[in-house]
Structure formats: C-alpha cells, structure tokens
Amino acid sequence: MRLKRWMAAVVITCACGAAWADLSRDEAAAVAQRLTGGRVLAVERAEAGGRPAWRAKVLTSGGEVRILLIDAASGRPI
C-alpha cells in the first residue's frame, strides 16, 4: 500500500512539472545578474537544444538589453 502511494505521488509530481529544472527562476536571475552586472528585467522558461533552460532579459549598465540563456540543470550560460 505504501509503495502505491509513493508511486502515485511521483507520477503526480512529474505530471505537474515540479521536476522541470534543478535551477530555480531566482537562481537563474542571480546567474544572469552576476554575468552581466546589469538589472534583470524578466526570467522565463525556454528550451535550448531540446533541454530546459531559462531565458533572462537583462538591462546592462550601458543601457543595452541583453538576452541570456541559462541551462536549467547546470546553471551555466548557453
């Protein structure tokens, strides 16, 4: 009985997308800010090469808007 409950919980968690990324939206924003030194305007889900990623829109100190893709598993820029 316990095993069935555990398996059902795993299925529900996966179906809801809770395991979508190792890196949270806030962590991705911190990576983007650290890489550019700019102000993070938005962070949203994306895909890069079929893998989950975060797309971060950043306003640099020079007034330029940059788009960064950050690997959702490793936290490294793509």
N, C-alpha and C. Protein backbone atom coordinates (compact mmCIF):
# COMPACT_ATOMS: atom_id res chain seq x y z
N MET A 1 0.82 -1.19 0.00
CA MET A 1 0.00 0.00 0.00
C MET A 1 0.87 1.26 0.00
N ARG A 2 1.91 1.27 0.83
CA ARG A 2 2.81 2.42 0.88
C ARG A 2 3.49 2.68 -0.46
N LEU A 3 3.91 1.61 -1.10
CA LEU A 3 4.57 1.73 -2.40
C LEU A 3 3.64 2.35 -3.43
N LYS A 4 2.39 1.95 -3.43
CA LYS A 4 1.42 2.51 -4.38
C LYS A 4 1.24 4.00 -4.15
N ARG A 5 1.16 4.42 -2.89
CA ARG A 5 1.02 5.85 -2.58
C ARG A 5 2.24 6.63 -3.03
N TRP A 6 3.42 6.05 -2.77
CA TRP A 6 4.66 6.71 -3.17
C TRP A 6 4.73 6.85 -4.68
N MET A 7 4.38 5.80 -5.40
CA MET A 7 4.41 5.84 -6.86
C MET A 7 3.42 6.86 -7.40
N ALA A 8 2.24 6.93 -6.79
CA ALA A 8 1.25 7.91 -7.22
C ALA A 8 1.76 9.33 -6.99
N ALA A 9 2.44 9.56 -5.87
CA ALA A 9 3.00 10.88 -5.58
C ALA A 9 4.06 11.26 -6.61
N VAL A 10 4.88 10.31 -7.01
CA VAL A 10 5.92 10.57 -8.02
C VAL A 10 5.29 10.92 -9.36
N VAL A 11 4.26 10.18 -9.75
CA VAL A 11 3.58 10.43 -11.02
C VAL A 11 2.95 11.82 -11.02
N ILE A 12 2.28 12.18 -9.94
CA ILE A 12 1.63 13.49 -9.85
C ILE A 12 2.67 14.59 -9.89
N THR A 13 3.77 14.43 -9.16
CA THR A 13 4.82 15.45 -9.15
C THR A 13 5.40 15.65 -10.54
N CYS A 14 5.68 14.58 -11.24
CA CYS A 14 6.24 14.70 -12.59
C CYS A 14 5.23 15.32 -13.55
N ALA A 15 3.98 14.95 -13.42
CA ALA A 15 2.95 15.47 -14.31
C ALA A 15 2.74 16.95 -14.12
N CYS A 16 2.96 17.44 -12.92
CA CYS A 16 2.76 18.87 -12.64
C CYS A 16 3.96 19.71 -13.04
N GLY A 17 5.05 19.07 -13.42
CA GLY A 17 6.22 19.81 -13.85
C GLY A 17 7.10 20.30 -12.71
N ALA A 18 6.92 19.78 -11.52
CA ALA A 18 7.72 20.24 -10.38
C ALA A 18 9.19 19.91 -10.56
N ALA A 19 9.48 18.90 -11.34
CA ALA A 19 10.86 18.50 -11.53
C ALA A 19 11.42 19.07 -12.83
N TRP A 20 10.85 20.18 -13.29
CA TRP A 20 11.25 20.75 -14.57
C TRP A 20 12.70 21.18 -14.59
N ALA A 21 13.19 21.76 -13.51
CA ALA A 21 14.54 22.30 -13.53
C ALA A 21 15.20 22.17 -12.17
N ASP A 22 16.53 21.98 -12.19
CA ASP A 22 17.30 21.98 -10.96
C ASP A 22 17.51 23.40 -10.46
N LEU A 23 17.57 24.33 -11.38
CA LEU A 23 17.84 25.73 -11.08
C LEU A 23 16.51 26.50 -11.03
N SER A 24 16.26 27.20 -9.94
CA SER A 24 15.02 27.96 -9.82
C SER A 24 15.09 29.24 -10.65
N ARG A 25 13.95 29.87 -10.82
CA ARG A 25 13.88 31.14 -11.54
C ARG A 25 14.76 32.19 -10.85
N ASP A 26 14.71 32.25 -9.52
CA ASP A 26 15.51 33.23 -8.78
C ASP A 26 17.01 32.96 -8.91
N GLU A 27 17.38 31.69 -8.91
CA GLU A 27 18.79 31.33 -9.09
C GLU A 27 19.27 31.70 -10.50
N ALA A 28 18.40 31.49 -11.49
CA ALA A 28 18.75 31.88 -12.87
C ALA A 28 18.91 33.39 -12.97
N ALA A 29 18.06 34.14 -12.29
CA ALA A 29 18.18 35.61 -12.28
C ALA A 29 19.50 36.03 -11.65
N ALA A 30 19.89 35.35 -10.57
CA ALA A 30 21.16 35.68 -9.91
C ALA A 30 22.35 35.39 -10.82
N VAL A 31 22.28 34.31 -11.57
CA VAL A 31 23.36 33.98 -12.53
C VAL A 31 23.44 35.07 -13.59
N ALA A 32 22.30 35.46 -14.14
CA ALA A 32 22.28 36.49 -15.19
C ALA A 32 22.83 37.81 -14.66
N GLN A 33 22.46 38.18 -13.44
CA GLN A 33 22.93 39.43 -12.85
C GLN A 33 24.44 39.37 -12.62
N ARG A 34 24.92 38.25 -12.13
CA ARG A 34 26.35 38.07 -11.87
C ARG A 34 27.16 38.13 -13.17
N LEU A 35 26.63 37.54 -14.23
CA LEU A 35 27.36 37.52 -15.51
C LEU A 35 27.42 38.89 -16.18
N THR A 36 26.37 39.68 -16.03
CA THR A 36 26.29 40.94 -16.77
C THR A 36 26.51 42.17 -15.90
N GLY A 37 26.25 42.04 -14.60
CA GLY A 37 26.31 43.20 -13.73
C GLY A 37 25.14 44.14 -13.92
N GLY A 38 24.16 43.71 -14.71
CA GLY A 38 23.01 44.55 -15.03
C GLY A 38 21.80 44.25 -14.18
N ARG A 39 20.69 44.86 -14.55
CA ARG A 39 19.41 44.69 -13.85
C ARG A 39 18.58 43.66 -14.61
N VAL A 40 18.15 42.61 -13.93
CA VAL A 40 17.35 41.56 -14.55
C VAL A 40 15.92 42.06 -14.69
N LEU A 41 15.44 42.07 -15.93
CA LEU A 41 14.09 42.55 -16.22
C LEU A 41 13.05 41.44 -16.19
N ALA A 42 13.43 40.24 -16.67
CA ALA A 42 12.49 39.13 -16.74
C ALA A 42 13.26 37.82 -16.86
N VAL A 43 12.66 36.76 -16.33
CA VAL A 43 13.21 35.41 -16.48
C VAL A 43 12.03 34.49 -16.78
N GLU A 44 12.14 33.72 -17.86
CA GLU A 44 11.06 32.80 -18.21
C GLU A 44 11.63 31.49 -18.73
N ARG A 45 10.79 30.47 -18.71
CA ARG A 45 11.19 29.15 -19.21
C ARG A 45 11.48 29.20 -20.70
N ALA A 46 12.43 28.37 -21.10
CA ALA A 46 12.79 28.28 -22.52
C ALA A 46 13.36 26.89 -22.77
N GLU A 47 13.73 26.64 -24.00
CA GLU A 47 14.43 25.41 -24.38
C GLU A 47 15.62 25.77 -25.22
N ALA A 48 16.68 25.02 -25.05
CA ALA A 48 17.89 25.22 -25.85
C ALA A 48 18.42 23.85 -26.23
N GLY A 49 18.36 23.55 -27.48
CA GLY A 49 18.81 22.24 -27.95
C GLY A 49 18.01 21.10 -27.37
N GLY A 50 16.72 21.34 -27.11
CA GLY A 50 15.86 20.31 -26.56
C GLY A 50 15.97 20.14 -25.06
N ARG A 51 16.80 20.95 -24.43
CA ARG A 51 16.96 20.86 -22.97
C ARG A 51 16.31 22.07 -22.30
N PRO A 52 15.82 21.91 -21.09
CA PRO A 52 15.22 23.05 -20.39
C PRO A 52 16.25 24.12 -20.08
N ALA A 53 15.83 25.36 -20.22
CA ALA A 53 16.70 26.49 -19.96
C ALA A 53 15.87 27.64 -19.41
N TRP A 54 16.55 28.64 -18.93
CA TRP A 54 15.91 29.89 -18.53
C TRP A 54 16.36 30.97 -19.49
N ARG A 55 15.43 31.82 -19.91
CA ARG A 55 15.73 32.96 -20.79
C ARG A 55 15.66 34.21 -19.91
N ALA A 56 16.79 34.87 -19.74
CA ALA A 56 16.85 36.05 -18.89
C ALA A 56 17.06 37.30 -19.73
N LYS A 57 16.24 38.29 -19.49
CA LYS A 57 16.34 39.58 -20.17
C LYS A 57 16.97 40.55 -19.17
N VAL A 58 18.10 41.16 -19.56
CA VAL A 58 18.89 41.99 -18.63
C VAL A 58 19.15 43.36 -19.25
N LEU A 59 19.05 44.40 -18.44
CA LEU A 59 19.42 45.75 -18.84
C LEU A 59 20.81 46.02 -18.27
N THR A 60 21.80 46.19 -19.15
CA THR A 60 23.17 46.41 -18.70
C THR A 60 23.35 47.85 -18.21
N SER A 61 24.46 48.10 -17.54
CA SER A 61 24.74 49.45 -17.04
C SER A 61 24.93 50.44 -18.19
N GLY A 62 25.25 49.94 -19.36
CA GLY A 62 25.40 50.78 -20.55
C GLY A 62 24.09 51.04 -21.28
N GLY A 63 22.98 50.55 -20.74
CA GLY A 63 21.67 50.78 -21.34
C GLY A 63 21.28 49.78 -22.41
N GLU A 64 22.08 48.75 -22.60
CA GLU A 64 21.81 47.72 -23.61
C GLU A 64 20.96 46.60 -23.00
N VAL A 65 19.97 46.12 -23.73
CA VAL A 65 19.18 44.97 -23.29
C VAL A 65 19.81 43.71 -23.87
N ARG A 66 20.14 42.77 -23.00
CA ARG A 66 20.75 41.51 -23.42
C ARG A 66 19.83 40.36 -23.04
N ILE A 67 19.85 39.33 -23.87
CA ILE A 67 19.10 38.10 -23.61
C ILE A 67 20.13 36.99 -23.35
N LEU A 68 20.00 36.32 -22.23
CA LEU A 68 20.89 35.21 -21.89
C LEU A 68 20.08 33.94 -21.78
N LEU A 69 20.62 32.84 -22.23
CA LEU A 69 20.04 31.52 -22.00
C LEU A 69 20.90 30.83 -20.96
N ILE A 70 20.24 30.31 -19.93
CA ILE A 70 20.94 29.65 -18.83
C ILE A 70 20.42 28.23 -18.71
N ASP A 71 21.33 27.27 -18.77
CA ASP A 71 20.96 25.86 -18.66
C ASP A 71 20.26 25.62 -17.33
N ALA A 72 19.07 25.04 -17.36
CA ALA A 72 18.27 24.85 -16.16
C ALA A 72 18.83 23.75 -15.25
N ALA A 73 19.65 22.88 -15.79
CA ALA A 73 20.23 21.80 -14.99
C ALA A 73 21.54 22.21 -14.34
N SER A 74 22.39 22.88 -15.10
CA SER A 74 23.73 23.19 -14.60
C SER A 74 23.90 24.62 -14.10
N GLY A 75 23.04 25.53 -14.57
CA GLY A 75 23.19 26.94 -14.19
C GLY A 75 24.24 27.67 -15.00
N ARG A 76 24.73 27.04 -16.05
CA ARG A 76 25.76 27.67 -16.89
C ARG A 76 25.11 28.36 -18.07
N PRO A 77 25.72 29.47 -18.52
CA PRO A 77 25.18 30.14 -19.71
C PRO A 77 25.33 29.25 -20.94
N ILE A 78 24.38 29.38 -21.85
CA ILE A 78 24.39 28.60 -23.10
C ILE A 78 24.79 29.53 -24.24
